[in-house]
């Protein structure tokens, strides 16, 4: 399964990635994004993943802003 993680705390993102791979070793974390700006840029230039995990509160705003821009 192709997964994108949107999380601005690196330790949390790494922990989530580790847990996902323990549950399903075939999980492919395509990218870990740490801001609205980087997420919008990534989604505008890549195919959508099968699953997205996102922190609601990022350093540059609410992650729901990503939906408005993509």
N, C-alpha and C. Protein backbone atom coordinates (compact mmCIF):
# COMPACT_ATOMS: atom_id res chain seq x y z
N UNK A 1 0.84 -1.16 0.00
CA UNK A 1 0.00 0.00 0.00
C UNK A 1 0.89 1.23 0.00
N UNK A 2 0.58 2.19 -0.86
CA UNK A 2 1.34 3.44 -0.95
C UNK A 2 0.73 4.47 0.00
N UNK A 3 1.60 5.02 0.87
CA UNK A 3 1.16 5.90 1.95
C UNK A 3 1.96 7.20 1.92
N UNK A 4 1.27 8.29 2.26
CA UNK A 4 1.92 9.59 2.47
C UNK A 4 1.64 9.98 3.92
N UNK A 5 2.68 10.47 4.59
CA UNK A 5 2.55 10.95 5.96
C UNK A 5 2.79 12.46 5.94
N UNK A 6 1.85 13.20 6.52
CA UNK A 6 1.99 14.65 6.65
C UNK A 6 2.07 14.94 8.14
N UNK A 7 3.28 15.22 8.60
CA UNK A 7 3.55 15.39 10.03
C UNK A 7 4.77 16.26 10.20
N UNK A 8 4.67 17.29 11.03
CA UNK A 8 5.81 18.20 11.20
C UNK A 8 6.72 17.84 12.37
N UNK A 9 6.40 16.80 13.09
CA UNK A 9 7.29 16.32 14.15
C UNK A 9 7.97 15.04 13.66
N UNK A 10 9.26 15.13 13.40
CA UNK A 10 9.99 14.03 12.78
C UNK A 10 9.89 12.73 13.59
N UNK A 11 10.00 12.81 14.90
CA UNK A 11 9.94 11.60 15.74
C UNK A 11 8.59 10.91 15.60
N UNK A 12 7.53 11.69 15.52
CA UNK A 12 6.18 11.12 15.36
C UNK A 12 6.04 10.45 14.00
N UNK A 13 6.55 11.10 12.96
CA UNK A 13 6.48 10.54 11.61
C UNK A 13 7.25 9.22 11.53
N UNK A 14 8.44 9.19 12.13
CA UNK A 14 9.24 7.96 12.12
C UNK A 14 8.55 6.84 12.88
N UNK A 15 7.94 7.17 14.01
CA UNK A 15 7.22 6.17 14.81
C UNK A 15 6.04 5.61 14.02
N UNK A 16 5.29 6.47 13.36
CA UNK A 16 4.15 6.02 12.55
C UNK A 16 4.63 5.12 11.42
N UNK A 17 5.68 5.52 10.74
CA UNK A 17 6.22 4.70 9.66
C UNK A 17 6.64 3.32 10.17
N UNK A 18 7.29 3.28 11.31
CA UNK A 18 7.72 2.01 11.91
C UNK A 18 6.50 1.13 12.24
N UNK A 19 5.48 1.72 12.84
CA UNK A 19 4.28 0.96 13.18
C UNK A 19 3.58 0.41 11.93
N UNK A 20 3.49 1.23 10.91
CA UNK A 20 2.85 0.79 9.66
C UNK A 20 3.58 -0.40 9.05
N UNK A 21 4.90 -0.36 9.06
CA UNK A 21 5.68 -1.45 8.48
C UNK A 21 5.64 -2.71 9.35
N UNK A 22 5.46 -2.55 10.66
CA UNK A 22 5.29 -3.71 11.52
C UNK A 22 3.96 -4.40 11.23
N UNK A 23 2.92 -3.61 11.02
CA UNK A 23 1.59 -4.15 10.75
C UNK A 23 1.52 -4.76 9.36
N UNK A 24 2.07 -4.03 8.38
CA UNK A 24 2.05 -4.49 6.99
C UNK A 24 3.40 -4.18 6.35
N UNK A 25 4.30 -5.18 6.31
CA UNK A 25 5.64 -4.96 5.77
C UNK A 25 5.68 -4.44 4.34
N UNK A 26 4.64 -4.69 3.56
CA UNK A 26 4.62 -4.23 2.18
C UNK A 26 4.24 -2.75 2.05
N UNK A 27 3.98 -2.09 3.16
CA UNK A 27 3.64 -0.67 3.12
C UNK A 27 4.81 0.13 2.56
N UNK A 28 4.51 1.00 1.61
CA UNK A 28 5.52 1.88 1.02
C UNK A 28 5.19 3.32 1.39
N UNK A 29 5.97 3.89 2.29
CA UNK A 29 5.79 5.29 2.62
C UNK A 29 6.47 6.08 1.51
N UNK A 30 5.67 6.69 0.66
CA UNK A 30 6.21 7.41 -0.49
C UNK A 30 6.98 8.65 -0.08
N UNK A 31 6.45 9.35 0.91
CA UNK A 31 7.09 10.60 1.33
C UNK A 31 6.53 10.99 2.70
N UNK A 32 7.36 11.69 3.46
CA UNK A 32 6.92 12.33 4.69
C UNK A 32 7.03 13.83 4.45
N UNK A 33 5.91 14.52 4.56
CA UNK A 33 5.85 15.96 4.31
C UNK A 33 5.63 16.69 5.62
N UNK A 34 6.26 17.85 5.77
CA UNK A 34 6.18 18.52 7.06
C UNK A 34 5.47 19.87 7.05
N UNK A 35 4.85 20.22 5.93
CA UNK A 35 4.16 21.51 5.87
C UNK A 35 3.06 21.48 4.82
N UNK A 36 2.18 22.46 4.91
CA UNK A 36 1.13 22.61 3.90
C UNK A 36 1.77 22.87 2.55
N UNK A 37 2.74 23.77 2.54
CA UNK A 37 3.41 24.15 1.28
C UNK A 37 4.04 22.94 0.59
N UNK A 38 4.77 22.13 1.35
CA UNK A 38 5.41 20.96 0.73
C UNK A 38 4.38 19.91 0.31
N UNK A 39 3.30 19.78 1.06
CA UNK A 39 2.26 18.81 0.70
C UNK A 39 1.56 19.22 -0.58
N UNK A 40 1.20 20.49 -0.69
CA UNK A 40 0.53 20.98 -1.90
C UNK A 40 1.44 20.77 -3.12
N UNK A 41 2.70 21.10 -2.99
CA UNK A 41 3.64 20.91 -4.10
C UNK A 41 3.74 19.44 -4.48
N UNK A 42 3.83 18.55 -3.48
CA UNK A 42 3.96 17.13 -3.76
C UNK A 42 2.70 16.59 -4.45
N UNK A 43 1.53 16.91 -3.92
CA UNK A 43 0.28 16.40 -4.50
C UNK A 43 0.03 16.95 -5.91
N UNK A 44 0.50 18.15 -6.19
CA UNK A 44 0.33 18.72 -7.53
C UNK A 44 1.25 18.09 -8.57
N UNK A 45 2.26 17.35 -8.13
CA UNK A 45 3.18 16.78 -9.11
C UNK A 45 3.33 15.26 -9.02
N UNK A 46 2.47 14.59 -8.22
CA UNK A 46 2.55 13.14 -8.06
C UNK A 46 1.16 12.51 -8.08
N UNK A 47 1.13 11.23 -8.35
CA UNK A 47 -0.12 10.49 -8.29
C UNK A 47 -0.54 10.36 -6.82
N UNK A 48 -1.84 10.40 -6.56
CA UNK A 48 -2.28 10.29 -5.16
C UNK A 48 -1.97 8.91 -4.57
N UNK A 49 -1.66 8.88 -3.28
CA UNK A 49 -1.39 7.61 -2.62
C UNK A 49 -2.70 6.88 -2.33
N UNK A 50 -2.57 5.69 -1.83
CA UNK A 50 -3.76 4.94 -1.43
C UNK A 50 -4.27 5.37 -0.06
N UNK A 51 -3.37 5.91 0.76
CA UNK A 51 -3.74 6.30 2.12
C UNK A 51 -2.88 7.48 2.56
N UNK A 52 -3.50 8.42 3.28
CA UNK A 52 -2.79 9.59 3.80
C UNK A 52 -3.00 9.63 5.31
N UNK A 53 -1.90 9.79 6.04
CA UNK A 53 -1.95 10.06 7.47
C UNK A 53 -1.50 11.49 7.64
N UNK A 54 -2.31 12.30 8.32
CA UNK A 54 -1.90 13.69 8.47
C UNK A 54 -2.21 14.23 9.86
N UNK A 55 -1.26 14.99 10.34
CA UNK A 55 -1.43 15.75 11.57
C UNK A 55 -2.35 16.91 11.22
N UNK A 56 -3.27 17.25 12.08
CA UNK A 56 -4.20 18.34 11.78
C UNK A 56 -3.51 19.69 11.90
N UNK A 57 -2.72 19.88 12.94
CA UNK A 57 -2.07 21.16 13.18
C UNK A 57 -0.60 21.09 12.77
N UNK A 58 -0.28 21.77 11.69
CA UNK A 58 1.10 21.85 11.22
C UNK A 58 1.66 23.23 11.55
N UNK A 59 2.95 23.38 11.46
CA UNK A 59 3.58 24.65 11.82
C UNK A 59 3.05 25.82 10.97
N UNK A 60 2.66 25.54 9.72
CA UNK A 60 2.19 26.63 8.85
C UNK A 60 0.67 26.66 8.68
N UNK A 61 -0.07 25.99 9.56
CA UNK A 61 -1.53 26.07 9.52
C UNK A 61 -2.22 24.72 9.66
N UNK A 62 -3.50 24.71 9.38
CA UNK A 62 -4.31 23.49 9.45
C UNK A 62 -4.10 22.64 8.20
N UNK A 63 -3.90 21.37 8.38
CA UNK A 63 -3.67 20.49 7.23
C UNK A 63 -4.89 20.42 6.31
N UNK A 64 -6.05 20.83 6.79
CA UNK A 64 -7.24 20.84 5.92
C UNK A 64 -7.11 21.86 4.81
N UNK A 65 -6.20 22.84 4.97
CA UNK A 65 -5.94 23.80 3.91
C UNK A 65 -5.39 23.11 2.66
N UNK A 66 -4.76 21.97 2.83
CA UNK A 66 -4.22 21.22 1.70
C UNK A 66 -5.34 20.85 0.73
N UNK A 67 -6.48 20.43 1.29
CA UNK A 67 -7.62 20.05 0.44
C UNK A 67 -8.13 21.22 -0.39
N UNK A 68 -8.09 22.42 0.18
CA UNK A 68 -8.54 23.60 -0.54
C UNK A 68 -7.63 23.95 -1.72
N UNK A 69 -6.36 23.57 -1.59
CA UNK A 69 -5.37 23.97 -2.60
C UNK A 69 -5.06 22.91 -3.65
N UNK A 70 -5.46 21.68 -3.39
CA UNK A 70 -5.13 20.60 -4.33
C UNK A 70 -6.38 20.19 -5.08
